Amino acid sequence: MTEKGGYEAAKGEQGERIAKYLARAGIASRRDAERMIEAGRVVHNGATVAHPATFVRPGDVILVDGTPVSEPARTRLWRYHKPDGLLTTHRDPEGRPTVFEKLPPDLPRVVSVGRLDLNSEGLLLLTNDGAMARRLELPTTGWHRRYRVRVYGMVDSDKLAALKDGITVEGVRYGPITAEVDTAKGANAWLSVSITEGKNREIRKVMAALGLETTRLIRVAYGPFQLGSLARGTVAEITGKVLREQLPKDK
């Protein structure tokens, strides 16, 4: 366990917190890596890691569940066209199919940037850098998540417009939402919806509060990255040049 003074010294010696190291290595998000540490699953230079304030330096040997962790590779990002019917999780206790089971076998271990629920589809960003995934999930990036949403019910355009001021549903406050009607036929309509927070099932819950049932939800963009013509169930890597140009800069 590192004392405070050791912590500052380690930073000066270019040490990196072990949870961040595991996230950059694509093992898990930083939060999940901390849970692995708490469960005693991580070994650093032959000793079980007892505290997340443990630092990794070049040449250190890290094991997770007895398997060596490779040095973090360069950060990479992929677009994936998620079909509906897949969970965005690495394993499901109920045995339902997951995104990560359906990815091409030549893809390295990746984590998702945020999630799409079981019945949602469209653009899901994947990366081998868990620390970056967490950063891109935060609303502080200012990135908009844009969706095409099919709803059933009578759409009130004034209520949709009022979502720009946010809405509270069942005690949960949702930030500004942009929603407009694209097409409508009878009780069915397609909406264009843009959000910045991406809380759990946000669009479905907000639409339900307006008396609308969401019957289809397709994410078409996440920040500067577009679904475009990417075929359903396929993956395309974003080039390093585009990645460097588009990623938010550290503040």
C-alpha atoms as a PDB file:
ATOM      1  CA  MET A   1       0.000   0.000   0.000  1.00  0.00           C
ATOM      2  CA  THR A   2       1.545   3.288  -1.071  1.00  0.00           C
ATOM      3  CA  GLU A   3       1.816   6.142   1.442  1.00  0.00           C
ATOM      4  CA  LYS A   4       0.957   9.669   0.340  1.00  0.00           C
ATOM      5  CA  GLY A   5       4.599  10.622  -0.051  1.00  0.00           C
ATOM      6  CA  GLY A   6       5.220   7.510  -2.149  1.00  0.00           C
ATOM      7  CA  TYR A   7       2.241   8.447  -4.284  1.00  0.00           C
ATOM      8  CA  GLU A   8       3.720  11.833  -5.167  1.00  0.00           C
ATOM      9  CA  ALA A   9       7.136  10.298  -5.796  1.00  0.00           C
ATOM     10  CA  ALA A  10       5.643   7.662  -8.060  1.00  0.00           C
ATOM     11  CA  LYS A  11       3.919  10.319 -10.122  1.00  0.00           C
ATOM     12  CA  GLY A  12       7.233  12.073 -10.552  1.00  0.00           C
ATOM     13  CA  GLU A  13       8.812   8.817 -11.664  1.00  0.00           C
ATOM     14  CA  GLN A  14       6.191   8.468 -14.409  1.00  0.00           C
ATOM     15  CA  GLY A  15       4.206   5.838 -12.583  1.00  0.00           C
ATOM     16  CA  GLU A  16       0.607   5.308 -13.680  1.00  0.00           C
ATOM     17  CA  ARG A  17      -2.269   4.315 -11.428  1.00  0.00           C
ATOM     18  CA  ILE A  18      -2.956   0.634 -11.937  1.00  0.00           C
ATOM     19  CA  ALA A  19      -6.674   1.049 -12.679  1.00  0.00           C
ATOM     20  CA  LYS A  20      -5.897   3.553 -15.427  1.00  0.00           C
ATOM     21  CA  TYR A  21      -3.172   1.238 -16.765  1.00  0.00           C
ATOM     22  CA  LEU A  22      -5.651  -1.665 -16.950  1.00  0.00           C
ATOM     23  CA  ALA A  23      -8.201   0.580 -18.640  1.00  0.00           C
ATOM     24  CA  ARG A  24      -5.690   1.703 -21.274  1.00  0.00           C
ATOM     25  CA  ALA A  25      -4.763  -1.944 -21.813  1.00  0.00           C
ATOM     26  CA  GLY A  26      -8.424  -2.632 -22.681  1.00  0.00           C
ATOM     27  CA  ILE A  27      -9.016  -4.955 -19.728  1.00  0.00           C
ATOM     28  CA  ALA A  28     -11.981  -3.020 -18.363  1.00  0.00           C
ATOM     29  CA  SER A  29     -13.189   0.481 -17.612  1.00  0.00           C
ATOM     30  CA  ARG A  30     -11.308   2.211 -14.812  1.00  0.00           C
ATOM     31  CA  ARG A  31     -14.256   1.709 -12.480  1.00  0.00           C
ATOM     32  CA  ASP A  32     -14.480  -2.009 -13.264  1.00  0.00           C
ATOM     33  CA  ALA A  33     -10.697  -2.301 -12.877  1.00  0.00           C
ATOM     34  CA  GLU A  34     -11.034  -0.870  -9.376  1.00  0.00           C
ATOM     35  CA  ARG A  35     -13.646  -3.527  -8.619  1.00  0.00           C
ATOM     36  CA  MET A  36     -11.221  -6.202  -9.870  1.00  0.00           C
ATOM     37  CA  ILE A  37      -8.610  -4.829  -7.472  1.00  0.00           C
ATOM     38  CA  GLU A  38     -11.080  -4.912  -4.577  1.00  0.00           C
ATOM     39  CA  ALA A  39     -11.840  -8.556  -5.428  1.00  0.00           C
ATOM     40  CA  GLY A  40      -8.140  -9.481  -5.267  1.00  0.00           C
ATOM     41  CA  ARG A  41      -7.951 -10.394  -8.952  1.00  0.00           C
ATOM     42  CA  VAL A  42      -4.961  -8.190  -9.830  1.00  0.00           C
ATOM     43  CA  VAL A  43      -1.310  -9.012  -9.093  1.00  0.00           C
ATOM     44  CA  HIS A  44       1.526  -6.476  -9.437  1.00  0.00           C
ATOM     45  CA  ASN A  45       5.091  -7.800  -9.480  1.00  0.00           C
ATOM     46  CA  GLY A  46       4.078 -10.946  -7.598  1.00  0.00           C
ATOM     47  CA  ALA A  47       1.926  -9.275  -4.928  1.00  0.00           C
ATOM     48  CA  THR A  48      -1.862  -9.016  -4.903  1.00  0.00           C
ATOM     49  CA  VAL A  49      -2.849  -5.388  -5.321  1.00  0.00           C
ATOM     50  CA  ALA A  50      -4.557  -4.170  -2.160  1.00  0.00           C
ATOM     51  CA  HIS A  51      -5.196  -0.541  -3.089  1.00  0.00           C
ATOM     52  CA  PRO A  52      -5.943   1.398  -6.307  1.00  0.00           C
ATOM     53  CA  ALA A  53      -3.173   3.882  -5.367  1.00  0.00           C
ATOM     54  CA  THR A  54      -0.657   1.392  -6.734  1.00  0.00           C
ATOM     55  CA  PHE A  55       1.543   2.591  -9.565  1.00  0.00           C
ATOM     56  CA  VAL A  56       2.831   0.773 -12.619  1.00  0.00           C
ATOM     57  CA  ARG A  57       6.198   1.596 -14.161  1.00  0.00           C
ATOM     58  CA  PRO A  58       7.827   0.299 -17.335  1.00  0.00           C
ATOM     59  CA  GLY A  59       8.882  -3.332 -16.927  1.00  0.00           C
ATOM     60  CA  ASP A  60       6.385  -4.141 -14.166  1.00  0.00           C
ATOM     61  CA  VAL A  61       4.513  -7.450 -14.473  1.00  0.00           C
ATOM     62  CA  ILE A  62       0.726  -7.289 -14.091  1.00  0.00           C
ATOM     63  CA  LEU A  63      -1.585 -10.305 -13.915  1.00  0.00           C
ATOM     64  CA  VAL A  64      -5.391 -10.336 -13.968  1.00  0.00           C
ATOM     65  CA  ASP A  65      -6.932 -13.648 -12.939  1.00  0.00           C
ATOM     66  CA  GLY A  66      -3.490 -15.174 -13.443  1.00  0.00           C
ATOM     67  CA  THR A  67      -3.161 -13.972 -17.043  1.00  0.00           C
ATOM     68  CA  PRO A  68      -0.383 -11.505 -17.935  1.00  0.00           C
ATOM     69  CA  VAL A  69      -1.526  -8.081 -19.110  1.00  0.00           C
ATOM     70  CA  SER A  70       0.231  -6.799 -22.203  1.00  0.00           C
ATOM     71  CA  GLU A  71       1.557  -3.247 -22.365  1.00  0.00           C
ATOM     72  CA  PRO A  72      -1.209  -0.885 -23.496  1.00  0.00           C
ATOM     73  CA  ALA A  73      -1.264  -0.591 -27.274  1.00  0.00           C
ATOM     74  CA  ARG A  74      -1.866   2.640 -29.160  1.00  0.00           C
ATOM     75  CA  THR A  75      -5.378   3.939 -28.726  1.00  0.00           C
ATOM     76  CA  ARG A  76      -7.781   2.742 -31.403  1.00  0.00           C
ATOM     77  CA  LEU A  77     -11.466   3.422 -32.043  1.00  0.00           C
ATOM     78  CA  TRP A  78     -14.040   1.577 -34.143  1.00  0.00           C
ATOM     79  CA  ARG A  79     -17.581   2.249 -35.361  1.00  0.00           C
ATOM     80  CA  TYR A  80     -19.950  -0.692 -34.922  1.00  0.00           C
ATOM     81  CA  HIS A  81     -23.486  -0.956 -36.288  1.00  0.00           C
ATOM     82  CA  LYS A  82     -25.221  -2.680 -33.399  1.00  0.00           C
ATOM     83  CA  PRO A  83     -28.293  -4.721 -34.308  1.00  0.00           C
ATOM     84  CA  ASP A  84     -31.186  -4.837 -31.869  1.00  0.00           C
ATOM     85  CA  GLY A  85     -31.414  -7.940 -29.681  1.00  0.00           C
ATOM     86  CA  LEU A  86     -27.847  -7.715 -28.346  1.00  0.00           C
ATOM     87  CA  LEU A  87     -26.798  -6.611 -24.872  1.00  0.00           C
ATOM     88  CA  THR A  88     -23.889  -4.186 -24.527  1.00  0.00           C
ATOM     89  CA  THR A  89     -22.058  -6.236 -21.927  1.00  0.00           C
ATOM     90  CA  HIS A  90     -19.201  -8.733 -21.890  1.00  0.00           C
ATOM     91  CA  ARG A  91     -21.246 -11.416 -20.161  1.00  0.00           C
ATOM     92  CA  ASP A  92     -24.890 -11.905 -19.284  1.00  0.00           C
ATOM     93  CA  PRO A  93     -25.974 -14.135 -16.358  1.00  0.00           C
ATOM     94  CA  GLU A  94     -29.121 -15.036 -18.287  1.00  0.00           C
ATOM     95  CA  GLY A  95     -27.135 -16.189 -21.314  1.00  0.00           C
ATOM     96  CA  ARG A  96     -28.597 -13.648 -23.718  1.00  0.00           C
ATOM     97  CA  PRO A  97     -26.480 -12.731 -26.779  1.00  0.00           C
ATOM     98  CA  THR A  98     -24.065  -9.842 -26.345  1.00  0.00           C
ATOM     99  CA  VAL A  99     -22.354  -7.348 -28.624  1.00  0.00           C
ATOM    100  CA  PHE A 100     -18.913  -8.675 -27.744  1.00  0.00           C
ATOM    101  CA  GLU A 101     -19.791 -12.255 -28.716  1.00  0.00           C
ATOM    102  CA  LYS A 102     -20.708 -11.084 -32.206  1.00  0.00           C
ATOM    103  CA  LEU A 103     -17.614  -9.004 -32.998  1.00  0.00           C
ATOM    104  CA  PRO A 104     -15.055 -10.200 -35.579  1.00  0.00           C
ATOM    105  CA  PRO A 105     -12.530 -12.616 -34.007  1.00  0.00           C
ATOM    106  CA  ASP A 106      -9.540 -10.571 -35.201  1.00  0.00           C
ATOM    107  CA  LEU A 107     -10.606  -7.532 -33.168  1.00  0.00           C
ATOM    108  CA  PRO A 108      -8.524  -6.964 -29.997  1.00  0.00           C
ATOM    109  CA  ARG A 109     -10.242  -6.830 -26.633  1.00  0.00           C
ATOM    110  CA  VAL A 110     -12.427  -3.721 -26.651  1.00  0.00           C
ATOM    111  CA  VAL A 111     -14.873  -1.871 -24.436  1.00  0.00           C
ATOM    112  CA  SER A 112     -17.811   0.232 -25.548  1.00  0.00           C
ATOM    113  CA  VAL A 113     -18.173   3.982 -25.263  1.00  0.00           C
ATOM    114  CA  GLY A 114     -21.461   4.062 -23.387  1.00  0.00           C
ATOM    115  CA  ARG A 115     -24.171   1.557 -24.177  1.00  0.00           C
ATOM    116  CA  LEU A 116     -27.171   0.867 -26.328  1.00  0.00           C
ATOM    117  CA  ASP A 117     -29.904  -1.140 -24.647  1.00  0.00           C
ATOM    118  CA  LEU A 118     -31.138  -4.529 -25.822  1.00  0.00           C
ATOM    119  CA  ASN A 119     -33.766  -3.201 -28.208  1.00  0.00           C
ATOM    120  CA  SER A 120     -31.802  -0.206 -29.505  1.00  0.00           C
ATOM    121  CA  GLU A 121     -29.616  -0.258 -32.588  1.00  0.00           C
ATOM    122  CA  GLY A 122     -27.198   1.862 -34.571  1.00  0.00           C
ATOM    123  CA  LEU A 123     -23.812   3.415 -33.861  1.00  0.00           C
ATOM    124  CA  LEU A 124     -21.792   2.035 -30.969  1.00  0.00           C
ATOM    125  CA  LEU A 125     -18.197   3.187 -30.561  1.00  0.00           C
ATOM    126  CA  LEU A 126     -15.654   0.577 -29.450  1.00  0.00           C
ATOM    127  CA  THR A 127     -12.117   1.177 -28.196  1.00  0.00           C
ATOM    128  CA  ASN A 128      -9.155  -0.737 -26.811  1.00  0.00           C
ATOM    129  CA  ASP A 129      -8.591   2.080 -24.289  1.00  0.00           C
ATOM    130  CA  GLY A 130     -10.964   1.924 -21.333  1.00  0.00           C
ATOM    131  CA  ALA A 131      -9.763   5.250 -19.937  1.00  0.00           C
ATOM    132  CA  MET A 132     -10.657   6.985 -23.183  1.00  0.00           C
ATOM    133  CA  ALA A 133     -14.035   5.226 -23.277  1.00  0.00           C
ATOM    134  CA  ARG A 134     -14.866   6.700 -19.899  1.00  0.00           C
ATOM    135  CA  ARG A 135     -13.759  10.172 -20.994  1.00  0.00           C
ATOM    136  CA  LEU A 136     -15.913  10.073 -24.139  1.00  0.00           C
ATOM    137  CA  GLU A 137     -18.960   8.987 -22.131  1.00  0.00           C
ATOM    138  CA  LEU A 138     -18.933  12.109 -19.962  1.00  0.00           C
ATOM    139  CA  PRO A 139     -21.312  14.968 -20.865  1.00  0.00           C
ATOM    140  CA  THR A 140     -18.379  17.370 -20.385  1.00  0.00           C
ATOM    141  CA  THR A 141     -17.174  16.468 -23.886  1.00  0.00           C
ATOM    142  CA  GLY A 142     -20.184  18.408 -25.167  1.00  0.00           C
ATOM    143  CA  TRP A 143     -20.773  15.691 -27.750  1.00  0.00           C
ATOM    144  CA  HIS A 144     -24.327  15.143 -28.921  1.00  0.00           C
ATOM    145  CA  ARG A 145     -25.771  11.668 -29.363  1.00  0.00           C
ATOM    146  CA  ARG A 146     -28.221  11.817 -32.266  1.00  0.00           C
ATOM    147  CA  TYR A 147     -31.013   9.328 -32.902  1.00  0.00           C
ATOM    148  CA  ARG A 148     -33.856   8.489 -35.236  1.00  0.00           C
ATOM    149  CA  VAL A 149     -36.766   7.480 -33.055  1.00  0.00           C
ATOM    150  CA  ARG A 150     -40.043   5.915 -34.158  1.00  0.00           C
ATOM    151  CA  VAL A 151     -42.873   6.532 -31.724  1.00  0.00           C
ATOM    152  CA  TYR A 152     -46.488   5.469 -31.431  1.00  0.00           C
ATOM    153  CA  GLY A 153     -49.013   7.976 -30.125  1.00  0.00           C
ATOM    154  CA  MET A 154     -50.177  11.491 -30.781  1.00  0.00           C
ATOM    155  CA  VAL A 155     -47.136  13.785 -30.946  1.00  0.00           C
ATOM    156  CA  ASP A 156     -47.477  17.241 -29.386  1.00  0.00           C
ATOM    157  CA  SER A 157     -44.921  19.492 -31.109  1.00  0.00           C
ATOM    158  CA  ASP A 158     -45.078  22.053 -28.294  1.00  0.00           C
ATOM    159  CA  LYS A 159     -44.160  19.399 -25.725  1.00  0.00           C
ATOM    160  CA  LEU A 160     -41.290  18.241 -27.928  1.00  0.00           C
ATOM    161  CA  ALA A 161     -40.016  21.807 -28.242  1.00  0.00           C
ATOM    162  CA  ALA A 162     -40.195  22.261 -24.454  1.00  0.00           C
ATOM    163  CA  LEU A 163     -37.677  19.446 -23.989  1.00  0.00           C
ATOM    164  CA  LYS A 164     -34.934  21.948 -24.854  1.00  0.00           C
ATOM    165  CA  ASP A 165     -35.297  23.144 -21.248  1.00  0.00           C
ATOM    166  CA  GLY A 166     -34.927  19.630 -19.840  1.00  0.00           C
ATOM    167  CA  ILE A 167     -37.527  17.497 -18.085  1.00  0.00           C
ATOM    168  CA  THR A 168     -37.924  15.612 -14.799  1.00  0.00           C
ATOM    169  CA  VAL A 169     -39.339  12.096 -15.056  1.00  0.00           C
ATOM    170  CA  GLU A 170     -40.035  10.053 -11.923  1.00  0.00           C
ATOM    171  CA  GLY A 171     -37.602  12.167  -9.921  1.00  0.00           C
ATOM    172  CA  VAL A 172     -34.787  12.002 -12.489  1.00  0.00           C
ATOM    173  CA  ARG A 173     -33.715  15.255 -14.130  1.00  0.00           C
ATOM    174  CA  TYR A 174     -32.791  15.054 -17.799  1.00  0.00           C
ATOM    175  CA  GLY A 175     -30.867  17.884 -19.441  1.00  0.00           C
ATOM    176  CA  PRO A 176     -31.742  19.712 -22.667  1.00  0.00           C
ATOM    177  CA  ILE A 177     -33.081  17.493 -25.447  1.00  0.00           C
ATOM    178  CA  THR A 178     -33.683  18.527 -29.036  1.00  0.00           C
ATOM    179  CA  ALA A 179     -36.585  16.658 -30.643  1.00  0.00           C
ATOM    180  CA  GLU A 180     -38.343  17.329 -33.943  1.00  0.00           C
ATOM    181  CA  VAL A 181     -40.846  15.453 -36.086  1.00  0.00           C
ATOM    182  CA  ASP A 182     -39.416  14.154 -39.357  1.00  0.00           C
ATOM    183  CA  THR A 183     -42.479  12.346 -40.696  1.00  0.00           C
ATOM    184  CA  ALA A 184     -45.863  11.359 -39.279  1.00  0.00           C
ATOM    185  CA  LYS A 185     -48.608   9.060 -40.502  1.00  0.00           C
ATOM    186  CA  GLY A 186     -51.572   8.462 -38.253  1.00  0.00           C
ATOM    187  CA  ALA A 187     -50.366   7.495 -34.783  1.00  0.00           C
ATOM    188  CA  ASN A 188     -46.856   6.664 -35.984  1.00  0.00           C
ATOM    189  CA  ALA A 189     -44.067   9.229 -36.319  1.00  0.00           C
ATOM    190  CA  TRP A 190     -40.333   9.381 -36.861  1.00  0.00           C
ATOM    191  CA  LEU A 191     -38.448  11.900 -34.727  1.00  0.00           C
ATOM    192  CA  SER A 192     -34.919  13.293 -34.806  1.00  0.00           C
ATOM    193  CA  VAL A 193     -33.642  13.441 -31.220  1.00  0.00           C
ATOM    194  CA  SER A 194     -30.360  14.788 -29.838  1.00  0.00           C
ATOM    195  CA  ILE A 195     -29.130  14.394 -26.253  1.00  0.00           C
ATOM    196  CA  THR A 196     -25.852  15.060 -24.446  1.00  0.00           C
ATOM    197  CA  GLU A 197     -26.187  13.080 -21.199  1.00  0.00           C
ATOM    198  CA  GLY A 198     -27.160   9.590 -22.317  1.00  0.00           C
ATOM    199  CA  LYS A 199     -28.671   8.455 -19.020  1.00  0.00           C
ATOM    200  CA  ASN A 200     -30.094   4.941 -18.766  1.00  0.00           C
ATOM    201  CA  ARG A 201     -32.965   4.526 -21.264  1.00  0.00           C
ATOM    202  CA  GLU A 202     -33.251   8.309 -21.374  1.00  0.00           C
ATOM    203  CA  ILE A 203     -35.108   8.682 -24.665  1.00  0.00           C
ATOM    204  CA  ARG A 204     -37.572   5.864 -23.972  1.00  0.00           C
ATOM    205  CA  LYS A 205     -38.420   7.270 -20.524  1.00  0.00           C
ATOM    206  CA  VAL A 206     -38.799  10.831 -21.767  1.00  0.00           C
ATOM    207  CA  MET A 207     -41.017   9.762 -24.675  1.00  0.00           C
ATOM    208  CA  ALA A 208     -43.146   7.683 -22.306  1.00  0.00           C
ATOM    209  CA  ALA A 209     -43.588  10.777 -20.104  1.00  0.00           C
ATOM    210  CA  LEU A 210     -44.998  12.519 -23.193  1.00  0.00           C
ATOM    211  CA  GLY A 211     -47.440   9.658 -23.770  1.00  0.00           C
ATOM    212  CA  LEU A 212     -45.412   8.164 -26.619  1.00  0.00           C
ATOM    213  CA  GLU A 213     -44.259   4.559 -26.987  1.00  0.00           C
ATOM    214  CA  THR A 214     -40.813   4.150 -28.543  1.00  0.00           C
ATOM    215  CA  THR A 215     -41.078   1.370 -31.099  1.00  0.00           C
ATOM    216  CA  ARG A 216     -37.657   1.779 -32.703  1.00  0.00           C
ATOM    217  CA  LEU A 217     -34.519   3.652 -31.656  1.00  0.00           C
ATOM    218  CA  ILE A 218     -31.479   4.047 -33.915  1.00  0.00           C
ATOM    219  CA  ARG A 219     -28.374   5.988 -32.919  1.00  0.00           C
ATOM    220  CA  VAL A 220     -27.047   7.701 -36.033  1.00  0.00           C
ATOM    221  CA  ALA A 221     -24.200   9.759 -34.540  1.00  0.00           C
ATOM    222  CA  TYR A 222     -22.032  10.017 -31.451  1.00  0.00           C
ATOM    223  CA  GLY A 223     -20.231  13.342 -31.406  1.00  0.00           C
ATOM    224  CA  PRO A 224     -18.381  13.751 -34.719  1.00  0.00           C
ATOM    225  CA  PHE A 225     -18.693  10.074 -35.641  1.00  0.00           C
ATOM    226  CA  GLN A 226     -21.546   8.975 -37.917  1.00  0.00           C
ATOM    227  CA  LEU A 227     -23.266   5.654 -38.546  1.00  0.00           C
ATOM    228  CA  GLY A 228     -23.455   6.545 -42.235  1.00  0.00           C
ATOM    229  CA  SER A 229     -23.794   3.565 -44.552  1.00  0.00           C
ATOM    230  CA  LEU A 230     -22.057   1.115 -42.203  1.00  0.00           C
ATOM    231  CA  ALA A 231     -23.812  -2.225 -42.685  1.00  0.00           C
ATOM    232  CA  ARG A 232     -25.715  -3.763 -39.802  1.00  0.00           C
ATOM    233  CA  GLY A 233     -23.457  -5.946 -37.618  1.00  0.00           C
ATOM    234  CA  THR A 234     -20.203  -4.696 -39.151  1.00  0.00           C
ATOM    235  CA  VAL A 235     -17.190  -2.841 -37.714  1.00  0.00           C
ATOM    236  CA  ALA A 236     -15.015  -0.117 -39.274  1.00  0.00           C
ATOM    237  CA  GLU A 237     -11.901   1.358 -37.676  1.00  0.00           C
ATOM    238  CA  ILE A 238     -11.557   5.125 -37.462  1.00  0.00           C
ATOM    239  CA  THR A 239      -8.157   6.174 -38.785  1.00  0.00           C
ATOM    240  CA  GLY A 240      -5.500   7.523 -36.456  1.00  0.00           C
ATOM    241  CA  LYS A 241      -5.529  10.862 -38.257  1.00  0.00           C
ATOM    242  CA  VAL A 242      -9.277  11.328 -37.797  1.00  0.00           C
ATOM    243  CA  LEU A 243      -8.990  10.172 -34.201  1.00  0.00           C
ATOM    244  CA  ARG A 244      -6.345  12.780 -33.412  1.00  0.00           C
ATOM    245  CA  GLU A 245      -8.383  15.502 -35.091  1.00  0.00           C
ATOM    246  CA  GLN A 246     -11.710  14.683 -33.463  1.00  0.00           C
ATOM    247  CA  LEU A 247     -10.955  13.569 -29.921  1.00  0.00           C
ATOM    248  CA  PRO A 248     -11.521  16.234 -27.259  1.00  0.00           C
ATOM    249  CA  LYS A 249      -8.289  17.626 -25.875  1.00  0.00           C
ATOM    250  CA  ASP A 250      -7.395  17.060 -22.242  1.00  0.00           C
ATOM    251  CA  LYS A 251      -7.953  20.134 -20.164  1.00  0.00           C
END
